[in-house]
N, C-alpha and C. Protein backbone atom coordinates (compact mmCIF):
# COMPACT_ATOMS: atom_id res chain seq x y z
N UNK A 1 102.91 93.74 75.53
CA UNK A 1 101.60 93.07 76.20
C UNK A 1 100.65 94.11 76.65
N UNK A 2 99.40 94.16 76.49
CA UNK A 2 98.53 94.90 76.92
C UNK A 2 97.79 94.41 78.18
N UNK A 3 97.19 95.21 79.03
CA UNK A 3 96.38 94.78 80.09
C UNK A 3 94.91 95.46 79.71
N UNK A 4 93.90 94.67 80.64
CA UNK A 4 92.22 95.09 80.43
C UNK A 4 92.44 96.85 80.79
N UNK A 5 91.63 97.40 80.19
CA UNK A 5 91.43 98.99 80.01
C UNK A 5 92.86 99.66 79.50
N UNK A 6 93.92 99.36 79.09
CA UNK A 6 94.58 99.97 78.19
C UNK A 6 94.28 100.34 77.02
N UNK A 7 94.55 101.77 76.55
CA UNK A 7 94.05 102.00 75.45
C UNK A 7 95.00 102.14 74.59
N UNK A 8 95.19 101.49 73.36
CA UNK A 8 96.17 101.16 72.45
C UNK A 8 95.74 101.48 70.62
N UNK A 9 96.92 101.49 70.18
CA UNK A 9 96.46 101.56 68.77
C UNK A 9 96.89 100.47 67.85
N UNK A 10 95.80 100.17 67.15
CA UNK A 10 96.30 98.64 66.51
C UNK A 10 95.95 99.05 64.85
N UNK A 11 96.67 98.22 63.95
CA UNK A 11 96.45 98.47 62.56
C UNK A 11 96.40 97.28 61.78
N UNK A 12 95.71 96.74 60.67
CA UNK A 12 95.36 95.64 60.23
C UNK A 12 96.77 95.25 59.19
N UNK A 13 97.36 94.02 59.66
CA UNK A 13 98.79 93.57 58.89
C UNK A 13 98.34 92.67 57.80
N UNK A 14 98.58 93.36 56.36
CA UNK A 14 98.49 92.52 55.34
C UNK A 14 98.91 90.80 55.61
N UNK A 15 100.28 90.98 56.05
CA UNK A 15 101.14 89.87 55.78
C UNK A 15 100.63 89.02 56.95
N UNK A 16 100.51 89.43 58.30
CA UNK A 16 99.85 88.67 59.34
C UNK A 16 98.34 88.22 59.36
N UNK A 17 97.86 89.23 58.38
CA UNK A 17 96.23 88.79 57.93
C UNK A 17 95.12 89.00 59.40
N UNK A 18 95.57 90.08 60.17
CA UNK A 18 94.88 90.36 61.39
C UNK A 18 95.68 91.59 62.24
N UNK A 19 94.80 92.27 62.94
CA UNK A 19 94.97 93.52 63.63
C UNK A 19 96.42 93.07 64.34
N UNK A 20 97.09 94.29 64.48
CA UNK A 20 98.38 94.17 65.17
C UNK A 20 98.50 95.11 66.38
N UNK A 21 98.98 95.08 67.24
CA UNK A 21 99.10 96.15 68.30
C UNK A 21 100.76 96.85 67.86
N UNK A 22 100.04 98.19 67.68
CA UNK A 22 101.43 98.90 67.23
C UNK A 22 101.83 99.75 68.59
N UNK A 23 101.02 100.63 69.25
CA UNK A 23 101.51 101.09 70.56
C UNK A 23 100.32 101.54 71.44
N UNK A 24 101.03 101.32 72.70
CA UNK A 24 99.88 101.58 73.61
C UNK A 24 99.99 103.21 74.13
N UNK A 25 98.63 103.69 73.74
CA UNK A 25 98.48 105.26 74.20
C UNK A 25 98.45 105.47 75.62
N UNK A 26 97.61 104.78 76.33
CA UNK A 26 97.43 105.16 77.75
C UNK A 26 97.32 103.88 78.69
N UNK A 27 98.39 103.81 79.60
CA UNK A 27 98.06 102.55 80.44
C UNK A 27 97.02 102.53 81.45
N UNK A 28 96.47 101.52 81.74
CA UNK A 28 95.43 101.67 82.80
C UNK A 28 95.95 101.33 84.28
N UNK A 29 97.37 101.05 84.53
CA UNK A 29 97.76 100.57 85.44
C UNK A 29 97.17 99.12 86.10
N UNK A 30 96.42 98.53 85.24
CA UNK A 30 96.04 97.12 85.47
C UNK A 30 97.32 96.23 85.15
N UNK A 31 97.52 94.84 85.60
CA UNK A 31 98.63 94.02 85.08
C UNK A 31 97.83 92.79 84.58
N UNK A 32 98.81 92.01 83.94
CA UNK A 32 98.75 90.64 83.60
C UNK A 32 99.76 89.65 83.83
N UNK A 33 99.24 88.48 84.44
CA UNK A 33 100.57 87.61 85.27
C UNK A 33 100.21 86.57 84.39
N UNK A 34 101.06 85.66 84.27
CA UNK A 34 100.71 84.37 83.46
C UNK A 34 101.18 83.17 84.29
N UNK A 35 100.58 82.25 84.67
CA UNK A 35 100.78 80.84 85.97
C UNK A 35 100.90 79.44 84.97
N UNK A 36 101.89 78.87 85.39
CA UNK A 36 102.04 77.62 84.63
C UNK A 36 102.42 76.64 85.80
N UNK A 37 101.13 75.73 85.56
CA UNK A 37 101.23 74.30 86.87
C UNK A 37 102.23 73.56 86.55
N UNK A 38 103.23 73.33 87.28
CA UNK A 38 104.23 72.18 87.20
C UNK A 38 103.97 70.98 87.70
N UNK A 39 103.30 70.99 88.96
CA UNK A 39 102.96 69.75 89.55
C UNK A 39 101.69 69.00 88.90
N UNK A 40 102.12 67.76 88.58
CA UNK A 40 100.86 66.84 87.84
C UNK A 40 99.99 66.59 88.72
N UNK A 41 98.79 67.00 88.26
CA UNK A 41 97.59 66.67 88.99
C UNK A 41 97.17 67.84 90.20
N UNK A 42 97.85 68.68 90.34
CA UNK A 42 97.49 69.70 90.85
C UNK A 42 96.33 70.67 90.48
N UNK A 43 95.30 70.82 91.30
CA UNK A 43 94.05 71.74 90.55
C UNK A 43 94.30 73.29 90.80
N UNK A 44 94.33 73.91 89.59
CA UNK A 44 94.66 75.11 89.57
C UNK A 44 93.41 75.99 90.18
N UNK A 45 92.47 75.56 90.35
CA UNK A 45 91.21 76.08 90.95
C UNK A 45 91.56 76.69 92.41
N UNK A 46 92.32 75.60 93.07
CA UNK A 46 92.94 76.09 94.28
C UNK A 46 93.42 77.61 94.31
N UNK A 47 94.50 78.00 93.42
CA UNK A 47 95.30 79.13 93.33
C UNK A 47 94.13 80.08 92.93
N UNK A 48 93.36 80.00 91.70
CA UNK A 48 92.35 81.02 91.20
C UNK A 48 91.50 81.29 92.05
N UNK A 49 91.13 80.34 93.31
CA UNK A 49 90.21 80.91 94.35
C UNK A 49 90.52 81.73 94.96
N UNK A 50 91.91 81.44 95.71
CA UNK A 50 92.54 82.36 96.46
C UNK A 50 92.73 83.61 95.73
N UNK A 51 93.28 83.78 94.47
CA UNK A 51 93.45 85.05 93.70
C UNK A 51 92.25 85.76 93.83
N UNK A 52 91.17 85.11 93.42
CA UNK A 52 89.68 85.63 93.25
C UNK A 52 89.35 86.57 94.66
N UNK A 53 90.10 85.75 95.74
CA UNK A 53 89.67 86.44 97.20
C UNK A 53 90.04 87.81 97.63
N UNK A 54 91.31 88.10 96.49
CA UNK A 54 91.84 89.01 96.80
C UNK A 54 91.52 90.05 95.63
N UNK A 55 90.46 89.70 94.84
CA UNK A 55 89.75 90.38 93.80
C UNK A 55 90.71 90.72 92.62
N UNK A 56 91.39 89.44 92.02
CA UNK A 56 91.90 88.90 91.00
C UNK A 56 91.23 88.13 89.96
N UNK A 57 90.79 88.70 88.96
CA UNK A 57 90.27 87.38 88.24
C UNK A 57 91.11 86.68 87.64
N UNK A 58 90.57 85.55 86.87
CA UNK A 58 91.80 84.51 86.11
C UNK A 58 91.05 83.81 85.17
N UNK A 59 91.82 83.74 83.96
CA UNK A 59 91.18 82.73 82.77
C UNK A 59 92.02 81.65 82.63
N UNK A 60 91.47 80.34 82.71
CA UNK A 60 92.28 79.24 82.28
C UNK A 60 92.35 78.97 80.80
N UNK A 61 93.46 78.70 80.28
CA UNK A 61 93.78 78.28 79.00
C UNK A 61 93.45 76.73 78.98
N UNK A 62 94.23 76.24 79.72
CA UNK A 62 93.78 74.79 79.85
C UNK A 62 94.07 74.19 81.46
N UNK A 63 94.56 72.60 81.66
CA UNK A 63 94.59 72.43 82.98
C UNK A 63 95.97 72.72 83.66
N UNK A 64 97.16 73.25 82.97
CA UNK A 64 97.97 73.55 83.43
C UNK A 64 98.61 75.25 83.22
N UNK A 65 97.60 75.94 82.60
CA UNK A 65 98.11 77.25 82.32
C UNK A 65 96.90 78.27 82.63
N UNK A 66 97.19 79.69 83.09
CA UNK A 66 96.11 80.56 83.45
C UNK A 66 96.72 81.84 83.36
N UNK A 67 96.03 82.76 83.00
CA UNK A 67 96.34 84.16 83.19
C UNK A 67 95.47 84.73 84.00
N UNK A 68 96.24 86.02 85.13
CA UNK A 68 95.46 86.45 85.96
C UNK A 68 95.41 88.05 85.73
N UNK A 69 94.48 88.78 85.95
CA UNK A 69 94.22 90.03 85.72
C UNK A 69 94.30 90.67 87.13
N UNK A 70 95.36 91.83 87.65
CA UNK A 70 95.35 92.18 88.38
C UNK A 70 94.85 93.90 88.27
N UNK A 71 93.92 94.08 89.25
CA UNK A 71 93.33 95.44 88.79
C UNK A 71 94.30 96.66 89.52
N UNK A 72 94.49 97.84 89.00
CA UNK A 72 95.03 99.10 89.70
C UNK A 72 95.04 98.85 90.92
N UNK A 73 93.91 98.75 91.71
CA UNK A 73 93.61 98.86 93.00
C UNK A 73 93.99 97.86 93.92
N UNK A 74 94.48 96.79 93.54
CA UNK A 74 94.95 95.75 94.27
C UNK A 74 96.24 95.90 94.38
N UNK A 75 96.73 95.32 95.92
CA UNK A 75 97.98 95.57 96.30
C UNK A 75 99.08 94.38 95.71
N UNK A 76 99.94 94.67 94.60
CA UNK A 76 100.30 93.50 93.86
C UNK A 76 101.28 92.57 95.13
N UNK A 77 101.94 93.23 95.71
CA UNK A 77 102.47 92.63 97.02
C UNK A 77 101.63 91.45 97.69
N UNK A 78 100.66 91.41 97.64
CA UNK A 78 99.73 90.53 98.22
C UNK A 78 99.57 89.24 96.95
N UNK A 79 99.52 89.43 95.84
CA UNK A 79 99.48 88.61 94.62
C UNK A 79 100.83 87.93 94.49
N UNK A 80 101.82 88.86 94.57
CA UNK A 80 103.30 88.09 94.61
C UNK A 80 103.67 87.00 95.59
N UNK A 81 103.25 87.35 96.74
CA UNK A 81 103.44 86.62 97.89
C UNK A 81 102.83 85.55 98.03
N UNK A 82 101.46 85.49 97.41
CA UNK A 82 100.90 84.02 97.24
C UNK A 82 101.45 83.17 95.98
N UNK A 83 101.86 83.94 95.07
CA UNK A 83 102.36 82.93 93.79
C UNK A 83 103.77 82.59 94.40
N UNK A 84 104.48 83.39 95.03
CA UNK A 84 106.13 83.09 95.40
C UNK A 84 105.77 81.78 96.31
N UNK A 85 105.04 81.74 97.28
CA UNK A 85 104.43 80.39 98.18
C UNK A 85 104.25 79.36 97.03
N UNK A 86 103.59 79.34 96.37
CA UNK A 86 103.55 78.03 95.12
C UNK A 86 104.45 77.67 94.50
N UNK A 87 105.17 78.79 93.95
CA UNK A 87 106.47 78.71 93.23
C UNK A 87 107.73 77.93 94.21
N UNK A 88 107.62 78.33 95.61
CA UNK A 88 108.87 77.87 96.08
C UNK A 88 108.46 76.30 96.55
N UNK A 89 107.54 75.85 96.44
CA UNK A 89 107.21 74.34 96.72
C UNK A 89 107.25 73.66 95.19
N UNK A 90 107.62 74.46 94.32
CA UNK A 90 107.55 73.72 92.81
C UNK A 90 106.43 73.65 92.33
N UNK A 91 105.31 74.09 92.82
CA UNK A 91 103.87 73.76 92.49
C UNK A 91 103.87 74.66 90.88
N UNK A 92 104.13 75.60 90.57
CA UNK A 92 103.98 76.63 89.68
C UNK A 92 105.36 77.38 89.40
N UNK A 93 104.99 77.83 88.19
CA UNK A 93 106.14 79.05 87.75
C UNK A 93 105.35 80.04 87.24
N UNK A 94 105.77 81.44 87.33
CA UNK A 94 105.02 82.49 86.95
C UNK A 94 105.53 83.63 86.36
N UNK A 95 104.94 84.34 85.42
CA UNK A 95 105.70 85.15 84.64
C UNK A 95 104.71 86.79 84.66
N UNK A 96 105.78 87.65 84.55
CA UNK A 96 104.75 88.80 84.60
C UNK A 96 104.97 89.82 83.35
N UNK A 97 104.52 89.77 82.58
CA UNK A 97 105.05 90.13 81.28
C UNK A 97 104.45 91.52 81.13
N UNK A 98 103.52 91.75 82.06
CA UNK A 98 102.61 93.20 81.86
C UNK A 98 102.41 93.24 83.24
N UNK A 99 103.35 93.85 83.71
CA UNK A 99 103.42 94.78 85.24
C UNK A 99 103.32 95.99 85.10
N UNK A 100 102.49 96.85 85.73
CA UNK A 100 102.40 98.11 85.60
C UNK A 100 103.11 98.98 86.70
N UNK A 101 103.53 100.18 86.20
CA UNK A 101 104.39 100.88 87.14
C UNK A 101 103.69 100.93 88.51
N UNK A 102 102.56 101.28 88.85
CA UNK A 102 101.64 100.97 90.12
C UNK A 102 101.94 99.50 90.97
N UNK A 103 101.91 98.56 90.05
CA UNK A 103 102.14 97.35 90.56
C UNK A 103 103.60 97.06 91.23
N UNK A 104 104.40 97.62 90.08
CA UNK A 104 105.74 97.71 90.59
C UNK A 104 106.28 98.45 91.78
N UNK A 105 105.48 99.75 92.00
CA UNK A 105 105.83 100.57 93.06
C UNK A 105 105.30 99.63 94.25
N UNK A 106 104.19 98.96 94.15
CA UNK A 106 103.47 98.31 95.27
C UNK A 106 104.80 97.29 96.08
N UNK A 107 105.86 96.57 95.03
CA UNK A 107 106.53 95.81 95.36
C UNK A 107 107.69 96.39 96.22
N UNK A 108 107.98 97.69 95.93
CA UNK A 108 108.94 98.67 96.49
C UNK A 108 108.58 99.12 97.88
N UNK A 109 107.39 99.05 98.28
CA UNK A 109 106.75 99.67 99.36
C UNK A 109 106.89 98.60 100.52
N UNK A 110 107.07 97.26 100.38
CA UNK A 110 107.19 96.34 101.42
C UNK A 110 108.52 95.50 101.54
């Protein structure tokens, strides 16, 4: 998976009939996290607004799923703490399919 501002190489795949990511040339240091809302009726905008307050933009796919962009300069331990709080209450589950080395290092500092 690639994050915003990563530089990558893609080529057209005749079988898939679309461009396919082949390799990442340069990582930006940004990360992408996916969040699924488990609690029926929970307003995902509550979490999205808290993430926005710490400079993390997000994009909703539907009422129960959104992706979060974590810029390189954001301390990921703050993001993880917020997400862990909601996950421990069984409100969400989250995945870190594209976590940069910088953000991995943030978790080791704390």
